[in-house]
Amino acid sequence: MSEKLNLIGLNVKKSGELAEELNSLLANYHIFYQNLRGFHWNIRGKNFFELHLKFEELYTDALTKIDELAERILTLGNTPLHSFSDYLDHSDIKEATDISEDKKAVETVLKNLSVLIQKERKILSLSGDAEDEGTTSLMSDYIKEQEKTVWMLSSWLNEEK
């Protein structure tokens, strides 16, 4: 019995499993994005200008990734989550509220990035097994970029000690 393939030549079952994990990542990105918006709006103190710009850079990047993830889920033949209640239900990242202190905001961003990277590594493994080069490439790019961001934000925190 031959395996059932979708329109892009990938195993339907494996694509469905990937889409499920991508939807979890999508949900986490939405909460990450909203947290960054809150930090951008509410940051205070001597590092305001620097962090206000950094948070805008990060949330703009997250918004791009949200669109890419949703489109990848569709490309795999599945439906992306698209309600905020679904995002809250499927996200391991929690909403960050009332954070205006620089160190606490950066620590929260680092914690959120750690969740994203762990999920991306899991998807990377699954996409390799499914021979899904499109998802593999996307995850590799995200991980490489975010590892550098983690290093830079960690360096910023260490400088503040």
N, C-alpha and C. Protein backbone atom coordinates (compact mmCIF):
# COMPACT_ATOMS: atom_id res chain seq x y z
N MET A 1 0.85 -1.18 0.00
CA MET A 1 0.00 0.00 0.00
C MET A 1 0.89 1.25 0.00
N SER A 2 0.65 2.13 -0.95
CA SER A 2 1.49 3.33 -1.03
C SER A 2 0.96 4.41 -0.09
N GLU A 3 1.87 5.26 0.31
CA GLU A 3 1.49 6.35 1.21
C GLU A 3 0.75 7.42 0.43
N LYS A 4 -0.18 8.07 1.11
CA LYS A 4 -0.95 9.14 0.50
C LYS A 4 -0.15 10.44 0.58
N LEU A 5 0.01 11.11 -0.57
CA LEU A 5 0.78 12.35 -0.63
C LEU A 5 -0.13 13.54 -0.87
N ASN A 6 0.27 14.68 -0.34
CA ASN A 6 -0.47 15.91 -0.60
C ASN A 6 0.01 16.52 -1.92
N LEU A 7 -0.50 17.69 -2.26
CA LEU A 7 -0.18 18.30 -3.55
C LEU A 7 1.28 18.69 -3.72
N ILE A 8 2.01 18.85 -2.62
CA ILE A 8 3.44 19.18 -2.74
C ILE A 8 4.33 17.94 -2.54
N GLY A 9 3.71 16.77 -2.57
CA GLY A 9 4.46 15.52 -2.56
C GLY A 9 4.90 15.02 -1.20
N LEU A 10 4.30 15.53 -0.14
CA LEU A 10 4.66 15.09 1.21
C LEU A 10 3.59 14.15 1.75
N ASN A 11 4.00 13.25 2.61
CA ASN A 11 3.09 12.33 3.28
C ASN A 11 2.02 13.12 4.03
N VAL A 12 0.76 12.80 3.77
CA VAL A 12 -0.36 13.55 4.36
C VAL A 12 -0.36 13.46 5.88
N LYS A 13 -0.11 12.28 6.40
CA LYS A 13 -0.11 12.11 7.86
C LYS A 13 1.01 12.92 8.50
N LYS A 14 2.20 12.82 7.94
CA LYS A 14 3.34 13.58 8.49
C LYS A 14 3.12 15.08 8.35
N SER A 15 2.52 15.49 7.24
CA SER A 15 2.22 16.92 7.04
C SER A 15 1.22 17.40 8.08
N GLY A 16 0.25 16.57 8.40
CA GLY A 16 -0.73 16.93 9.43
C GLY A 16 -0.09 17.08 10.80
N GLU A 17 0.84 16.18 11.12
CA GLU A 17 1.56 16.29 12.40
C GLU A 17 2.42 17.56 12.44
N LEU A 18 3.05 17.86 11.32
CA LEU A 18 3.84 19.09 11.24
C LEU A 18 2.96 20.32 11.39
N ALA A 19 1.82 20.31 10.72
CA ALA A 19 0.90 21.45 10.80
C ALA A 19 0.41 21.66 12.23
N GLU A 20 0.20 20.57 12.96
CA GLU A 20 -0.23 20.68 14.35
C GLU A 20 0.86 21.38 15.19
N GLU A 21 2.10 20.98 14.99
CA GLU A 21 3.22 21.61 15.71
C GLU A 21 3.42 23.06 15.25
N LEU A 22 3.25 23.31 13.96
CA LEU A 22 3.36 24.68 13.44
C LEU A 22 2.26 25.56 14.01
N ASN A 23 1.06 25.00 14.21
CA ASN A 23 -0.03 25.77 14.82
C ASN A 23 0.30 26.12 16.27
N SER A 24 0.94 25.20 16.98
CA SER A 24 1.37 25.50 18.34
C SER A 24 2.40 26.62 18.33
N LEU A 25 3.33 26.55 17.39
CA LEU A 25 4.33 27.61 17.25
C LEU A 25 3.66 28.93 16.88
N LEU A 26 2.70 28.89 15.99
CA LEU A 26 1.95 30.08 15.59
C LEU A 26 1.28 30.73 16.80
N ALA A 27 0.64 29.91 17.63
CA ALA A 27 -0.02 30.43 18.83
C ALA A 27 1.00 31.11 19.75
N ASN A 28 2.14 30.47 19.93
CA ASN A 28 3.18 31.04 20.78
C ASN A 28 3.71 32.35 20.21
N TYR A 29 3.85 32.42 18.90
CA TYR A 29 4.31 33.66 18.28
C TYR A 29 3.32 34.80 18.49
N HIS A 30 2.04 34.49 18.45
CA HIS A 30 1.05 35.55 18.67
C HIS A 30 1.16 36.14 20.07
N ILE A 31 1.34 35.29 21.07
CA ILE A 31 1.46 35.80 22.44
C ILE A 31 2.80 36.52 22.60
N PHE A 32 3.86 35.98 22.02
CA PHE A 32 5.17 36.63 22.03
C PHE A 32 5.06 38.02 21.41
N TYR A 33 4.41 38.10 20.25
CA TYR A 33 4.21 39.37 19.56
C TYR A 33 3.50 40.38 20.47
N GLN A 34 2.43 39.95 21.09
CA GLN A 34 1.66 40.87 21.92
C GLN A 34 2.46 41.30 23.15
N ASN A 35 3.23 40.38 23.70
CA ASN A 35 4.10 40.76 24.83
C ASN A 35 5.09 41.84 24.40
N LEU A 36 5.69 41.66 23.22
CA LEU A 36 6.64 42.65 22.72
C LEU A 36 5.98 44.00 22.50
N ARG A 37 4.76 43.99 22.00
CA ARG A 37 4.04 45.27 21.82
C ARG A 37 3.87 45.97 23.17
N GLY A 38 3.50 45.19 24.17
CA GLY A 38 3.33 45.77 25.50
C GLY A 38 4.63 46.34 26.05
N PHE A 39 5.72 45.62 25.85
CA PHE A 39 7.02 46.13 26.31
C PHE A 39 7.38 47.41 25.56
N HIS A 40 7.16 47.42 24.27
CA HIS A 40 7.44 48.59 23.44
C HIS A 40 6.67 49.82 23.94
N TRP A 41 5.42 49.63 24.25
CA TRP A 41 4.58 50.74 24.69
C TRP A 41 4.90 51.19 26.11
N ASN A 42 5.25 50.26 26.98
CA ASN A 42 5.29 50.55 28.41
C ASN A 42 6.67 50.65 29.04
N ILE A 43 7.72 50.42 28.25
CA ILE A 43 9.07 50.45 28.83
C ILE A 43 9.37 51.84 29.39
N ARG A 44 10.09 51.88 30.50
CA ARG A 44 10.45 53.15 31.14
C ARG A 44 11.92 53.08 31.58
N GLY A 45 12.46 54.22 31.88
CA GLY A 45 13.80 54.26 32.46
C GLY A 45 14.87 54.69 31.49
N LYS A 46 16.10 54.59 31.98
CA LYS A 46 17.24 55.12 31.24
C LYS A 46 17.50 54.39 29.92
N ASN A 47 16.99 53.18 29.77
CA ASN A 47 17.18 52.41 28.54
C ASN A 47 15.96 52.49 27.61
N PHE A 48 15.08 53.45 27.87
CA PHE A 48 13.85 53.56 27.10
C PHE A 48 14.09 53.58 25.59
N PHE A 49 14.92 54.50 25.12
CA PHE A 49 15.09 54.68 23.68
C PHE A 49 15.65 53.42 23.02
N GLU A 50 16.66 52.85 23.64
CA GLU A 50 17.30 51.64 23.11
C GLU A 50 16.31 50.47 23.05
N LEU A 51 15.60 50.23 24.16
CA LEU A 51 14.70 49.08 24.21
C LEU A 51 13.40 49.31 23.44
N HIS A 52 12.92 50.54 23.43
CA HIS A 52 11.72 50.86 22.65
C HIS A 52 11.95 50.46 21.19
N LEU A 53 13.09 50.81 20.64
CA LEU A 53 13.44 50.45 19.26
C LEU A 53 13.65 48.95 19.10
N LYS A 54 14.33 48.32 20.04
CA LYS A 54 14.60 46.88 19.96
C LYS A 54 13.30 46.09 20.00
N PHE A 55 12.39 46.47 20.88
CA PHE A 55 11.12 45.75 20.96
C PHE A 55 10.31 45.92 19.68
N GLU A 56 10.38 47.11 19.08
CA GLU A 56 9.69 47.31 17.80
C GLU A 56 10.31 46.43 16.71
N GLU A 57 11.62 46.35 16.68
CA GLU A 57 12.31 45.47 15.72
C GLU A 57 11.86 44.02 15.91
N LEU A 58 11.80 43.59 17.17
CA LEU A 58 11.43 42.20 17.46
C LEU A 58 9.97 41.91 17.14
N TYR A 59 9.05 42.85 17.45
CA TYR A 59 7.65 42.55 17.15
C TYR A 59 7.37 42.63 15.66
N THR A 60 8.10 43.47 14.94
CA THR A 60 7.95 43.52 13.48
C THR A 60 8.40 42.19 12.87
N ASP A 61 9.51 41.66 13.37
CA ASP A 61 10.00 40.37 12.91
C ASP A 61 9.01 39.25 13.27
N ALA A 62 8.46 39.29 14.47
CA ALA A 62 7.50 38.27 14.89
C ALA A 62 6.25 38.30 14.01
N LEU A 63 5.82 39.48 13.63
CA LEU A 63 4.65 39.60 12.76
C LEU A 63 4.91 38.95 11.40
N THR A 64 6.09 39.15 10.87
CA THR A 64 6.47 38.50 9.60
C THR A 64 6.45 36.98 9.76
N LYS A 65 7.00 36.49 10.86
CA LYS A 65 7.04 35.05 11.10
C LYS A 65 5.63 34.48 11.28
N ILE A 66 4.74 35.22 11.92
CA ILE A 66 3.36 34.78 12.07
C ILE A 66 2.73 34.51 10.70
N ASP A 67 2.93 35.42 9.78
CA ASP A 67 2.38 35.26 8.44
C ASP A 67 3.03 34.07 7.73
N GLU A 68 4.34 33.95 7.85
CA GLU A 68 5.04 32.83 7.21
C GLU A 68 4.56 31.48 7.75
N LEU A 69 4.36 31.41 9.06
CA LEU A 69 3.90 30.16 9.67
C LEU A 69 2.50 29.80 9.19
N ALA A 70 1.61 30.78 9.18
CA ALA A 70 0.24 30.51 8.73
C ALA A 70 0.24 30.04 7.28
N GLU A 71 1.05 30.69 6.45
CA GLU A 71 1.12 30.30 5.04
C GLU A 71 1.75 28.92 4.86
N ARG A 72 2.70 28.56 5.73
CA ARG A 72 3.31 27.23 5.64
C ARG A 72 2.28 26.16 6.01
N ILE A 73 1.49 26.43 7.04
CA ILE A 73 0.44 25.50 7.45
C ILE A 73 -0.54 25.28 6.29
N LEU A 74 -0.90 26.36 5.62
CA LEU A 74 -1.79 26.26 4.45
C LEU A 74 -1.12 25.48 3.32
N THR A 75 0.16 25.73 3.09
CA THR A 75 0.91 25.03 2.04
C THR A 75 0.92 23.52 2.30
N LEU A 76 0.95 23.14 3.56
CA LEU A 76 0.94 21.73 3.92
C LEU A 76 -0.46 21.11 3.79
N GLY A 77 -1.45 21.96 3.50
CA GLY A 77 -2.82 21.47 3.30
C GLY A 77 -3.68 21.49 4.54
N ASN A 78 -3.31 22.33 5.50
CA ASN A 78 -4.05 22.41 6.76
C ASN A 78 -4.49 23.84 7.03
N THR A 79 -5.19 24.03 8.13
CA THR A 79 -5.75 25.35 8.47
C THR A 79 -5.02 25.93 9.68
N PRO A 80 -4.51 27.16 9.55
CA PRO A 80 -3.86 27.78 10.71
C PRO A 80 -4.89 28.24 11.74
N LEU A 81 -4.48 28.17 12.99
CA LEU A 81 -5.31 28.76 14.04
C LEU A 81 -5.48 30.24 13.73
N HIS A 82 -6.65 30.79 14.05
CA HIS A 82 -6.86 32.19 13.70
C HIS A 82 -7.77 32.94 14.66
N SER A 83 -7.91 32.43 15.88
CA SER A 83 -8.64 33.20 16.89
C SER A 83 -7.74 33.39 18.11
N PHE A 84 -7.91 34.51 18.77
CA PHE A 84 -7.04 34.78 19.90
C PHE A 84 -7.28 33.77 21.02
N SER A 85 -8.51 33.30 21.17
CA SER A 85 -8.77 32.28 22.19
C SER A 85 -8.00 31.00 21.87
N ASP A 86 -7.89 30.63 20.59
CA ASP A 86 -7.07 29.48 20.21
C ASP A 86 -5.60 29.72 20.55
N TYR A 87 -5.13 30.93 20.31
CA TYR A 87 -3.73 31.23 20.61
C TYR A 87 -3.46 31.08 22.11
N LEU A 88 -4.35 31.59 22.92
CA LEU A 88 -4.19 31.48 24.37
C LEU A 88 -4.23 30.03 24.82
N ASP A 89 -5.13 29.25 24.22
CA ASP A 89 -5.27 27.84 24.58
C ASP A 89 -4.07 26.99 24.17
N HIS A 90 -3.41 27.34 23.08
CA HIS A 90 -2.34 26.51 22.52
C HIS A 90 -0.93 27.05 22.77
N SER A 91 -0.81 28.12 23.51
CA SER A 91 0.50 28.73 23.72
C SER A 91 1.11 28.33 25.06
N ASP A 92 2.39 28.01 25.04
CA ASP A 92 3.13 27.80 26.27
C ASP A 92 3.65 29.12 26.82
N ILE A 93 3.80 30.11 25.95
CA ILE A 93 4.18 31.45 26.37
C ILE A 93 2.95 32.10 26.99
N LYS A 94 3.14 32.70 28.12
CA LYS A 94 2.03 33.35 28.83
C LYS A 94 2.05 34.85 28.57
N GLU A 95 0.89 35.45 28.71
CA GLU A 95 0.79 36.89 28.56
C GLU A 95 1.60 37.58 29.65
N ALA A 96 2.35 38.58 29.25
CA ALA A 96 3.14 39.38 30.20
C ALA A 96 2.43 40.72 30.35
N THR A 97 2.00 41.03 31.56
CA THR A 97 1.27 42.27 31.77
C THR A 97 1.98 43.15 32.78
N ASP A 98 1.80 44.44 32.60
CA ASP A 98 2.29 45.44 33.55
C ASP A 98 3.80 45.37 33.78
N ILE A 99 4.54 45.13 32.71
CA ILE A 99 6.00 45.13 32.82
C ILE A 99 6.52 46.38 32.12
N SER A 100 7.17 47.24 32.91
CA SER A 100 7.75 48.46 32.34
C SER A 100 9.23 48.60 32.68
N GLU A 101 9.73 47.71 33.52
CA GLU A 101 11.13 47.75 33.95
C GLU A 101 11.99 47.01 32.93
N ASP A 102 13.09 47.62 32.51
CA ASP A 102 13.91 47.10 31.42
C ASP A 102 14.41 45.67 31.64
N LYS A 103 15.00 45.40 32.78
CA LYS A 103 15.57 44.08 33.04
C LYS A 103 14.49 43.01 33.00
N LYS A 104 13.37 43.25 33.61
CA LYS A 104 12.27 42.28 33.64
C LYS A 104 11.73 42.03 32.24
N ALA A 105 11.63 43.07 31.43
CA ALA A 105 11.15 42.91 30.06
C ALA A 105 12.11 42.06 29.24
N VAL A 106 13.39 42.33 29.33
CA VAL A 106 14.39 41.58 28.56
C VAL A 106 14.43 40.13 29.05
N GLU A 107 14.35 39.91 30.35
CA GLU A 107 14.32 38.54 30.87
C GLU A 107 13.11 37.78 30.33
N THR A 108 11.98 38.45 30.24
CA THR A 108 10.77 37.82 29.71
C THR A 108 10.93 37.49 28.22
N VAL A 109 11.52 38.40 27.47
CA VAL A 109 11.77 38.14 26.05
C VAL A 109 12.68 36.92 25.90
N LEU A 110 13.73 36.83 26.70
CA LEU A 110 14.63 35.68 26.64
C LEU A 110 13.91 34.38 26.98
N LYS A 111 13.09 34.42 27.98
CA LYS A 111 12.31 33.23 28.36
C LYS A 111 11.38 32.82 27.22
N ASN A 112 10.73 33.79 26.61
CA ASN A 112 9.82 33.52 25.48
C ASN A 112 10.59 32.97 24.29
N LEU A 113 11.75 33.54 23.99
CA LEU A 113 12.58 33.04 22.88
C LEU A 113 13.01 31.60 23.12
N SER A 114 13.30 31.26 24.35
CA SER A 114 13.68 29.89 24.68
C SER A 114 12.56 28.92 24.34
N VAL A 115 11.33 29.29 24.64
CA VAL A 115 10.17 28.45 24.30
C VAL A 115 10.07 28.30 22.78
N LEU A 116 10.20 29.39 22.07
CA LEU A 116 10.11 29.35 20.60
C LEU A 116 11.19 28.46 20.00
N ILE A 117 12.42 28.62 20.46
CA ILE A 117 13.53 27.83 19.92
C ILE A 117 13.33 26.34 20.18
N GLN A 118 12.87 26.00 21.37
CA GLN A 118 12.62 24.59 21.67
C GLN A 118 11.57 24.01 20.73
N LYS A 119 10.51 24.75 20.49
CA LYS A 119 9.45 24.30 19.58
C LYS A 119 9.98 24.20 18.14
N GLU A 120 10.78 25.16 17.75
CA GLU A 120 11.35 25.15 16.40
C GLU A 120 12.28 23.96 16.19
N ARG A 121 13.04 23.61 17.22
CA ARG A 121 13.92 22.44 17.12
C ARG A 121 13.11 21.15 16.96
N LYS A 122 12.00 21.06 17.67
CA LYS A 122 11.12 19.88 17.54
C LYS A 122 10.56 19.80 16.12
N ILE A 123 10.11 20.94 15.60
CA ILE A 123 9.57 20.98 14.23
C ILE A 123 10.67 20.66 13.22
N LEU A 124 11.86 21.15 13.46
CA LEU A 124 13.00 20.87 12.58
C LEU A 124 13.23 19.36 12.48
N SER A 125 13.17 18.68 13.60
CA SER A 125 13.35 17.23 13.61
C SER A 125 12.22 16.54 12.84
N LEU A 126 10.99 16.94 13.09
CA LEU A 126 9.84 16.34 12.40
C LEU A 126 9.88 16.62 10.90
N SER A 127 10.27 17.82 10.53
CA SER A 127 10.29 18.18 9.11
C SER A 127 11.38 17.42 8.37
N GLY A 128 12.49 17.15 9.05
CA GLY A 128 13.54 16.33 8.45
C GLY A 128 13.03 14.93 8.18
N ASP A 129 12.33 14.37 9.16
CA ASP A 129 11.76 13.03 9.01
C ASP A 129 10.73 12.97 7.89
N ALA A 130 10.01 14.07 7.70
CA ALA A 130 8.97 14.12 6.65
C ALA A 130 9.53 14.52 5.29
N GLU A 131 10.83 14.79 5.24
CA GLU A 131 11.49 15.26 4.02
C GLU A 131 10.83 16.55 3.50
N ASP A 132 10.49 17.41 4.45
CA ASP A 132 9.82 18.69 4.16
C ASP A 132 10.87 19.80 4.20
N GLU A 133 11.52 20.01 3.07
CA GLU A 133 12.59 21.01 2.98
C GLU A 133 12.10 22.42 3.27
N GLY A 134 10.87 22.73 2.86
CA GLY A 134 10.33 24.07 3.08
C GLY A 134 10.25 24.42 4.55
N THR A 135 9.70 23.51 5.36
CA THR A 135 9.59 23.76 6.79
C THR A 135 10.97 23.70 7.45
N THR A 136 11.80 22.76 7.00
CA THR A 136 13.16 22.65 7.54
C THR A 136 13.92 23.97 7.35
N SER A 137 13.86 24.52 6.16
CA SER A 137 14.55 25.77 5.86
C SER A 137 14.04 26.91 6.74
N LEU A 138 12.73 26.99 6.88
CA LEU A 138 12.12 28.04 7.70
C LEU A 138 12.60 27.95 9.15
N MET A 139 12.55 26.74 9.71
CA MET A 139 12.96 26.56 11.10
C MET A 139 14.44 26.83 11.28
N SER A 140 15.27 26.38 10.35
CA SER A 140 16.71 26.63 10.44
C SER A 140 16.99 28.13 10.46
N ASP A 141 16.32 28.86 9.60
CA ASP A 141 16.51 30.32 9.56
C ASP A 141 16.08 30.97 10.87
N TYR A 142 14.92 30.55 11.39
CA TYR A 142 14.42 31.13 12.64
C TYR A 142 15.39 30.86 13.79
N ILE A 143 15.84 29.61 13.89
CA ILE A 143 16.72 29.23 15.00
C ILE A 143 18.03 30.02 14.95
N LYS A 144 18.63 30.09 13.78
CA LYS A 144 19.90 30.81 13.63
C LYS A 144 19.74 32.27 14.07
N GLU A 145 18.70 32.91 13.61
CA GLU A 145 18.44 34.31 13.93
C GLU A 145 18.17 34.50 15.42
N GLN A 146 17.37 33.63 15.99
CA GLN A 146 16.98 33.78 17.39
C GLN A 146 18.11 33.44 18.35
N GLU A 147 18.98 32.51 17.97
CA GLU A 147 20.13 32.24 18.82
C GLU A 147 21.00 33.48 18.94
N LYS A 148 21.16 34.22 17.88
CA LYS A 148 21.94 35.46 17.92
C LYS A 148 21.24 36.49 18.80
N THR A 149 19.93 36.58 18.69
CA THR A 149 19.18 37.52 19.53
C THR A 149 19.31 37.16 21.00
N VAL A 150 19.26 35.87 21.31
CA VAL A 150 19.44 35.42 22.70
C VAL A 150 20.82 35.84 23.21
N TRP A 151 21.85 35.63 22.41
CA TRP A 151 23.20 36.03 22.79
C TRP A 151 23.27 37.53 23.07
N MET A 152 22.68 38.32 22.19
CA MET A 152 22.77 39.78 22.34
C MET A 152 21.99 40.26 23.57
N LEU A 153 20.78 39.75 23.76
CA LEU A 153 19.99 40.16 24.92
C LEU A 153 20.63 39.67 26.22
N SER A 154 21.21 38.47 26.19
CA SER A 154 21.92 37.96 27.37
C SER A 154 23.13 38.84 27.69
N SER A 155 23.82 39.27 26.66
CA SER A 155 24.97 40.17 26.85
C SER A 155 24.50 41.49 27.45
N TRP A 156 23.39 42.00 27.00
CA TRP A 156 22.84 43.24 27.55
C TRP A 156 22.53 43.07 29.03
N LEU A 157 21.92 41.96 29.38
CA LEU A 157 21.60 41.71 30.80
C LEU A 157 22.86 41.60 31.65
N ASN A 158 23.88 40.91 31.17
CA ASN A 158 25.11 40.76 31.92
C ASN A 158 25.80 42.08 32.14
N GLU A 159 25.70 42.97 31.18
CA GLU A 159 26.30 44.30 31.30
C GLU A 159 25.62 45.10 32.40
N GLU A 160 24.35 44.81 32.65
CA GLU A 160 23.59 45.56 33.63
C GLU A 160 23.81 45.09 35.07
N LYS A 161 24.48 43.95 35.26
CA LYS A 161 24.66 43.40 36.62
C LYS A 161 25.61 44.21 37.44
